[in-house]
Amino acid sequence: MRNYFLILLTSISMVCSAQDKVTFHNGSVADGKVTEVTDQFIKFIYQGEETVNTYGSIGVSEITFASGRKQYITDKIIINNGNDWEKVRVAYDKNEVMGMKSMGRIEKHSNGAWSMHNSEGHFMKKALMKAQKEAAKKGACCVLVVSQSNGNAGQYPDSSIICELFTY
């Protein structure tokens, strides 16, 4: 009877102390309690703490809940060189990159001085593509669009974009 009670007590304490595990793309694993999961971020409380931490979904691989269920979050973006620029993820919400490592800001421009296009959207896409190419050259897996503007450089359409680069 005593052994049965000891096994029961051990089982209850294991269930009560079961934790969620968040696995990040940088290889680290955090134990605690996941309180919210969205497309943009994960809210998490570390074991033994009370503060809610927010991590961007781009930096999180998966969550293993205390129940044993696993939830896939995002694929790891691997940038080998500047040719991988199309893999660079574009984020517009800072929540998506929370917890990732900033690599600084860049500014890119595109204008219609030598182009037959007059669409502002065309030049914004070109400016963003330039930002993704520079990010890939620097090894960044994500660009956060901080600001973008359209205007006219004299008589030609002009677009500019400011991005912050991020890695795991």
C-alpha atoms as a PDB file:
ATOM      1  CA  MET A   1       0.000   0.000   0.000  1.00  0.00           C
ATOM      2  CA  ARG A   2       2.826   2.367   0.861  1.00  0.00           C
ATOM      3  CA  ASN A   3       4.477   1.789  -2.557  1.00  0.00           C
ATOM      4  CA  TYR A   4       1.160   2.408  -4.301  1.00  0.00           C
ATOM      5  CA  PHE A   5       0.789   5.748  -2.465  1.00  0.00           C
ATOM      6  CA  LEU A   6       4.384   6.750  -3.371  1.00  0.00           C
ATOM      7  CA  ILE A   7       3.816   5.946  -7.056  1.00  0.00           C
ATOM      8  CA  LEU A   8       0.554   7.911  -7.048  1.00  0.00           C
ATOM      9  CA  LEU A   9       2.203  10.914  -5.387  1.00  0.00           C
ATOM     10  CA  THR A  10       5.096  10.834  -7.871  1.00  0.00           C
ATOM     11  CA  SER A  11       2.679  10.642 -10.830  1.00  0.00           C
ATOM     12  CA  ILE A  12       0.639  13.589  -9.552  1.00  0.00           C
ATOM     13  CA  SER A  13       3.728  15.731  -9.043  1.00  0.00           C
ATOM     14  CA  MET A  14       4.956  14.912 -12.565  1.00  0.00           C
ATOM     15  CA  VAL A  15       1.610  15.921 -14.070  1.00  0.00           C
ATOM     16  CA  CYS A  16       1.486  19.124 -12.025  1.00  0.00           C
ATOM     17  CA  SER A  17       5.019  20.089 -13.013  1.00  0.00           C
ATOM     18  CA  ALA A  18       4.635  19.247 -16.721  1.00  0.00           C
ATOM     19  CA  GLN A  19       5.737  22.183 -18.812  1.00  0.00           C
ATOM     20  CA  ASP A  20       5.329  23.399 -22.366  1.00  0.00           C
ATOM     21  CA  LYS A  21       8.531  23.534 -24.431  1.00  0.00           C
ATOM     22  CA  VAL A  22       9.181  26.196 -27.057  1.00  0.00           C
ATOM     23  CA  THR A  23      11.873  25.245 -29.585  1.00  0.00           C
ATOM     24  CA  PHE A  24      13.541  28.187 -31.333  1.00  0.00           C
ATOM     25  CA  HIS A  25      15.311  28.146 -34.710  1.00  0.00           C
ATOM     26  CA  ASN A  26      18.567  29.200 -33.014  1.00  0.00           C
ATOM     27  CA  GLY A  27      18.583  25.825 -31.222  1.00  0.00           C
ATOM     28  CA  SER A  28      17.491  26.941 -27.762  1.00  0.00           C
ATOM     29  CA  VAL A  29      14.548  25.401 -25.918  1.00  0.00           C
ATOM     30  CA  ALA A  30      12.509  27.187 -23.240  1.00  0.00           C
ATOM     31  CA  ASP A  31      10.426  25.458 -20.562  1.00  0.00           C
ATOM     32  CA  GLY A  32       7.356  27.098 -19.078  1.00  0.00           C
ATOM     33  CA  LYS A  33       3.764  27.830 -20.015  1.00  0.00           C
ATOM     34  CA  VAL A  34       2.536  29.022 -23.424  1.00  0.00           C
ATOM     35  CA  THR A  35      -0.330  31.457 -22.857  1.00  0.00           C
ATOM     36  CA  GLU A  36      -1.125  32.543 -26.435  1.00  0.00           C
ATOM     37  CA  VAL A  37      -0.246  31.529 -29.991  1.00  0.00           C
ATOM     38  CA  THR A  38      -1.051  33.657 -33.071  1.00  0.00           C
ATOM     39  CA  ASP A  39       0.312  33.809 -36.624  1.00  0.00           C
ATOM     40  CA  GLN A  40       2.602  36.656 -35.537  1.00  0.00           C
ATOM     41  CA  PHE A  41       3.765  35.787 -32.012  1.00  0.00           C
ATOM     42  CA  ILE A  42       3.868  33.383 -29.070  1.00  0.00           C
ATOM     43  CA  LYS A  43       3.339  34.531 -25.473  1.00  0.00           C
ATOM     44  CA  PHE A  44       5.218  32.448 -22.940  1.00  0.00           C
ATOM     45  CA  ILE A  45       5.929  32.414 -19.171  1.00  0.00           C
ATOM     46  CA  TYR A  46       9.242  30.831 -18.169  1.00  0.00           C
ATOM     47  CA  GLN A  47       9.157  28.115 -15.518  1.00  0.00           C
ATOM     48  CA  GLY A  48       9.333  29.659 -12.047  1.00  0.00           C
ATOM     49  CA  GLU A  49       8.515  33.175 -13.298  1.00  0.00           C
ATOM     50  CA  GLU A  50       5.376  35.279 -13.692  1.00  0.00           C
ATOM     51  CA  THR A  51       6.334  37.702 -16.475  1.00  0.00           C
ATOM     52  CA  VAL A  52       4.781  37.091 -19.897  1.00  0.00           C
ATOM     53  CA  ASN A  53       7.387  37.101 -22.692  1.00  0.00           C
ATOM     54  CA  THR A  54       6.528  37.604 -26.364  1.00  0.00           C
ATOM     55  CA  TYR A  55       8.460  35.931 -29.184  1.00  0.00           C
ATOM     56  CA  GLY A  56       7.921  36.443 -32.902  1.00  0.00           C
ATOM     57  CA  SER A  57       6.659  33.422 -34.784  1.00  0.00           C
ATOM     58  CA  ILE A  58       9.454  33.679 -37.367  1.00  0.00           C
ATOM     59  CA  GLY A  59      12.030  32.633 -34.761  1.00  0.00           C
ATOM     60  CA  VAL A  60      10.020  29.697 -33.347  1.00  0.00           C
ATOM     61  CA  SER A  61      10.181  26.188 -34.805  1.00  0.00           C
ATOM     62  CA  GLU A  62       7.605  24.355 -32.697  1.00  0.00           C
ATOM     63  CA  ILE A  63       5.838  24.090 -29.369  1.00  0.00           C
ATOM     64  CA  THR A  64       5.541  20.838 -27.441  1.00  0.00           C
ATOM     65  CA  PHE A  65       2.696  21.231 -24.995  1.00  0.00           C
ATOM     66  CA  ALA A  66       2.620  19.548 -21.584  1.00  0.00           C
ATOM     67  CA  SER A  67      -0.004  17.163 -22.978  1.00  0.00           C
ATOM     68  CA  GLY A  68       2.565  15.893 -25.488  1.00  0.00           C
ATOM     69  CA  ARG A  69       0.897  17.540 -28.480  1.00  0.00           C
ATOM     70  CA  LYS A  70       3.287  19.314 -30.868  1.00  0.00           C
ATOM     71  CA  GLN A  71       2.374  22.415 -32.829  1.00  0.00           C
ATOM     72  CA  TYR A  72       4.546  23.401 -35.778  1.00  0.00           C
ATOM     73  CA  ILE A  73       5.057  27.184 -36.020  1.00  0.00           C
ATOM     74  CA  THR A  74       7.482  28.085 -38.881  1.00  0.00           C
ATOM     75  CA  ASP A  75      10.211  26.609 -41.072  1.00  0.00           C
ATOM     76  CA  LYS A  76      13.756  27.761 -40.467  1.00  0.00           C
ATOM     77  CA  ILE A  77      14.914  30.153 -43.174  1.00  0.00           C
ATOM     78  CA  ILE A  78      18.438  29.280 -44.282  1.00  0.00           C
ATOM     79  CA  ILE A  79      20.333  31.961 -46.181  1.00  0.00           C
ATOM     80  CA  ASN A  80      23.581  30.718 -47.737  1.00  0.00           C
ATOM     81  CA  ASN A  81      24.455  33.775 -49.839  1.00  0.00           C
ATOM     82  CA  GLY A  82      23.004  36.693 -51.787  1.00  0.00           C
ATOM     83  CA  ASN A  83      21.374  34.338 -54.282  1.00  0.00           C
ATOM     84  CA  ASP A  84      18.926  33.264 -51.554  1.00  0.00           C
ATOM     85  CA  TRP A  85      17.297  36.708 -51.454  1.00  0.00           C
ATOM     86  CA  GLU A  86      13.851  35.336 -52.368  1.00  0.00           C
ATOM     87  CA  LYS A  87      13.871  33.285 -49.127  1.00  0.00           C
ATOM     88  CA  VAL A  88      14.195  36.438 -46.999  1.00  0.00           C
ATOM     89  CA  ARG A  89      10.884  36.875 -45.190  1.00  0.00           C
ATOM     90  CA  VAL A  90       9.244  40.294 -45.179  1.00  0.00           C
ATOM     91  CA  ALA A  91       7.496  41.338 -41.955  1.00  0.00           C
ATOM     92  CA  TYR A  92       5.367  44.433 -41.420  1.00  0.00           C
ATOM     93  CA  ASP A  93       4.578  43.893 -37.729  1.00  0.00           C
ATOM     94  CA  LYS A  94       7.352  44.113 -35.088  1.00  0.00           C
ATOM     95  CA  ASN A  95       5.653  41.316 -33.122  1.00  0.00           C
ATOM     96  CA  GLU A  96       6.766  38.859 -35.822  1.00  0.00           C
ATOM     97  CA  VAL A  97      10.471  39.477 -35.096  1.00  0.00           C
ATOM     98  CA  MET A  98      10.425  39.856 -31.297  1.00  0.00           C
ATOM     99  CA  GLY A  99      13.204  37.839 -29.722  1.00  0.00           C
ATOM    100  CA  MET A 100      15.262  37.765 -32.920  1.00  0.00           C
ATOM    101  CA  LYS A 101      18.681  39.393 -33.300  1.00  0.00           C
ATOM    102  CA  SER A 102      18.759  42.774 -35.079  1.00  0.00           C
ATOM    103  CA  MET A 103      21.492  43.320 -37.671  1.00  0.00           C
ATOM    104  CA  GLY A 104      20.825  47.021 -38.230  1.00  0.00           C
ATOM    105  CA  ARG A 105      18.811  49.110 -40.667  1.00  0.00           C
ATOM    106  CA  ILE A 106      19.078  49.697 -44.391  1.00  0.00           C
ATOM    107  CA  GLU A 107      17.402  52.138 -46.762  1.00  0.00           C
ATOM    108  CA  LYS A 108      16.699  51.358 -50.424  1.00  0.00           C
ATOM    109  CA  HIS A 109      15.321  53.495 -53.258  1.00  0.00           C
ATOM    110  CA  SER A 110      13.874  52.908 -56.690  1.00  0.00           C
ATOM    111  CA  ASN A 111      12.826  55.486 -59.276  1.00  0.00           C
ATOM    112  CA  GLY A 112      11.508  55.720 -62.799  1.00  0.00           C
ATOM    113  CA  ALA A 113      14.256  57.817 -64.391  1.00  0.00           C
ATOM    114  CA  TRP A 114      15.127  55.046 -66.855  1.00  0.00           C
ATOM    115  CA  SER A 115      11.912  53.064 -66.756  1.00  0.00           C
ATOM    116  CA  MET A 116       8.783  52.843 -68.863  1.00  0.00           C
ATOM    117  CA  HIS A 117       6.750  52.046 -65.714  1.00  0.00           C
ATOM    118  CA  ASN A 118       4.842  54.806 -63.965  1.00  0.00           C
ATOM    119  CA  SER A 119       3.279  52.731 -61.190  1.00  0.00           C
ATOM    120  CA  GLU A 120       4.311  53.591 -57.618  1.00  0.00           C
ATOM    121  CA  GLY A 121       3.642  49.958 -56.664  1.00  0.00           C
ATOM    122  CA  HIS A 122       6.213  48.791 -59.216  1.00  0.00           C
ATOM    123  CA  PHE A 123       8.931  50.955 -57.674  1.00  0.00           C
ATOM    124  CA  MET A 124       8.016  49.950 -54.120  1.00  0.00           C
ATOM    125  CA  LYS A 125       8.378  46.282 -55.147  1.00  0.00           C
ATOM    126  CA  LYS A 126      11.781  47.084 -56.651  1.00  0.00           C
ATOM    127  CA  ALA A 127      12.922  48.877 -53.481  1.00  0.00           C
ATOM    128  CA  LEU A 128      11.753  45.934 -51.345  1.00  0.00           C
ATOM    129  CA  MET A 129      13.559  43.484 -53.641  1.00  0.00           C
ATOM    130  CA  LYS A 130      16.764  45.522 -53.224  1.00  0.00           C
ATOM    131  CA  ALA A 131      16.319  45.329 -49.437  1.00  0.00           C
ATOM    132  CA  GLN A 132      15.839  41.542 -49.592  1.00  0.00           C
ATOM    133  CA  LYS A 133      18.972  41.173 -51.742  1.00  0.00           C
ATOM    134  CA  GLU A 134      21.089  43.200 -49.320  1.00  0.00           C
ATOM    135  CA  ALA A 135      19.635  41.265 -46.374  1.00  0.00           C
ATOM    136  CA  ALA A 136      20.600  37.959 -48.016  1.00  0.00           C
ATOM    137  CA  LYS A 137      24.148  39.206 -48.684  1.00  0.00           C
ATOM    138  CA  LYS A 138      24.444  40.040 -44.971  1.00  0.00           C
ATOM    139  CA  GLY A 139      22.963  36.692 -43.875  1.00  0.00           C
ATOM    140  CA  ALA A 140      19.664  38.076 -42.541  1.00  0.00           C
ATOM    141  CA  CYS A 141      16.620  35.817 -42.807  1.00  0.00           C
ATOM    142  CA  CYS A 142      14.013  38.539 -42.312  1.00  0.00           C
ATOM    143  CA  VAL A 143      13.435  42.223 -43.033  1.00  0.00           C
ATOM    144  CA  LEU A 144      11.021  44.279 -40.970  1.00  0.00           C
ATOM    145  CA  VAL A 145       9.600  47.161 -43.013  1.00  0.00           C
ATOM    146  CA  VAL A 146       9.959  50.189 -40.747  1.00  0.00           C
ATOM    147  CA  SER A 147       8.753  52.815 -43.227  1.00  0.00           C
ATOM    148  CA  GLN A 148       7.998  53.214 -46.894  1.00  0.00           C
ATOM    149  CA  SER A 149       7.212  56.223 -49.022  1.00  0.00           C
ATOM    150  CA  ASN A 150       6.255  57.060 -52.579  1.00  0.00           C
ATOM    151  CA  GLY A 151       6.896  60.364 -54.260  1.00  0.00           C
ATOM    152  CA  ASN A 152       8.326  62.009 -57.319  1.00  0.00           C
ATOM    153  CA  ALA A 153      12.004  62.678 -57.962  1.00  0.00           C
ATOM    154  CA  GLY A 154      11.390  65.645 -60.218  1.00  0.00           C
ATOM    155  CA  GLN A 155       9.170  64.306 -62.965  1.00  0.00           C
ATOM    156  CA  TYR A 156       9.792  60.617 -62.207  1.00  0.00           C
ATOM    157  CA  PRO A 157       8.034  58.349 -59.694  1.00  0.00           C
ATOM    158  CA  ASP A 158      10.193  57.440 -56.698  1.00  0.00           C
ATOM    159  CA  SER A 159       9.845  54.931 -53.851  1.00  0.00           C
ATOM    160  CA  SER A 160      11.958  54.374 -50.773  1.00  0.00           C
ATOM    161  CA  ILE A 161      11.884  51.824 -47.992  1.00  0.00           C
ATOM    162  CA  ILE A 162      13.624  51.526 -44.621  1.00  0.00           C
ATOM    163  CA  CYS A 163      14.011  48.005 -43.221  1.00  0.00           C
ATOM    164  CA  GLU A 164      15.560  46.480 -40.137  1.00  0.00           C
ATOM    165  CA  LEU A 165      17.410  43.206 -40.752  1.00  0.00           C
ATOM    166  CA  PHE A 166      17.007  40.199 -38.442  1.00  0.00           C
ATOM    167  CA  THR A 167      18.548  36.783 -37.905  1.00  0.00           C
ATOM    168  CA  TYR A 168      17.967  33.996 -35.379  1.00  0.00           C
END
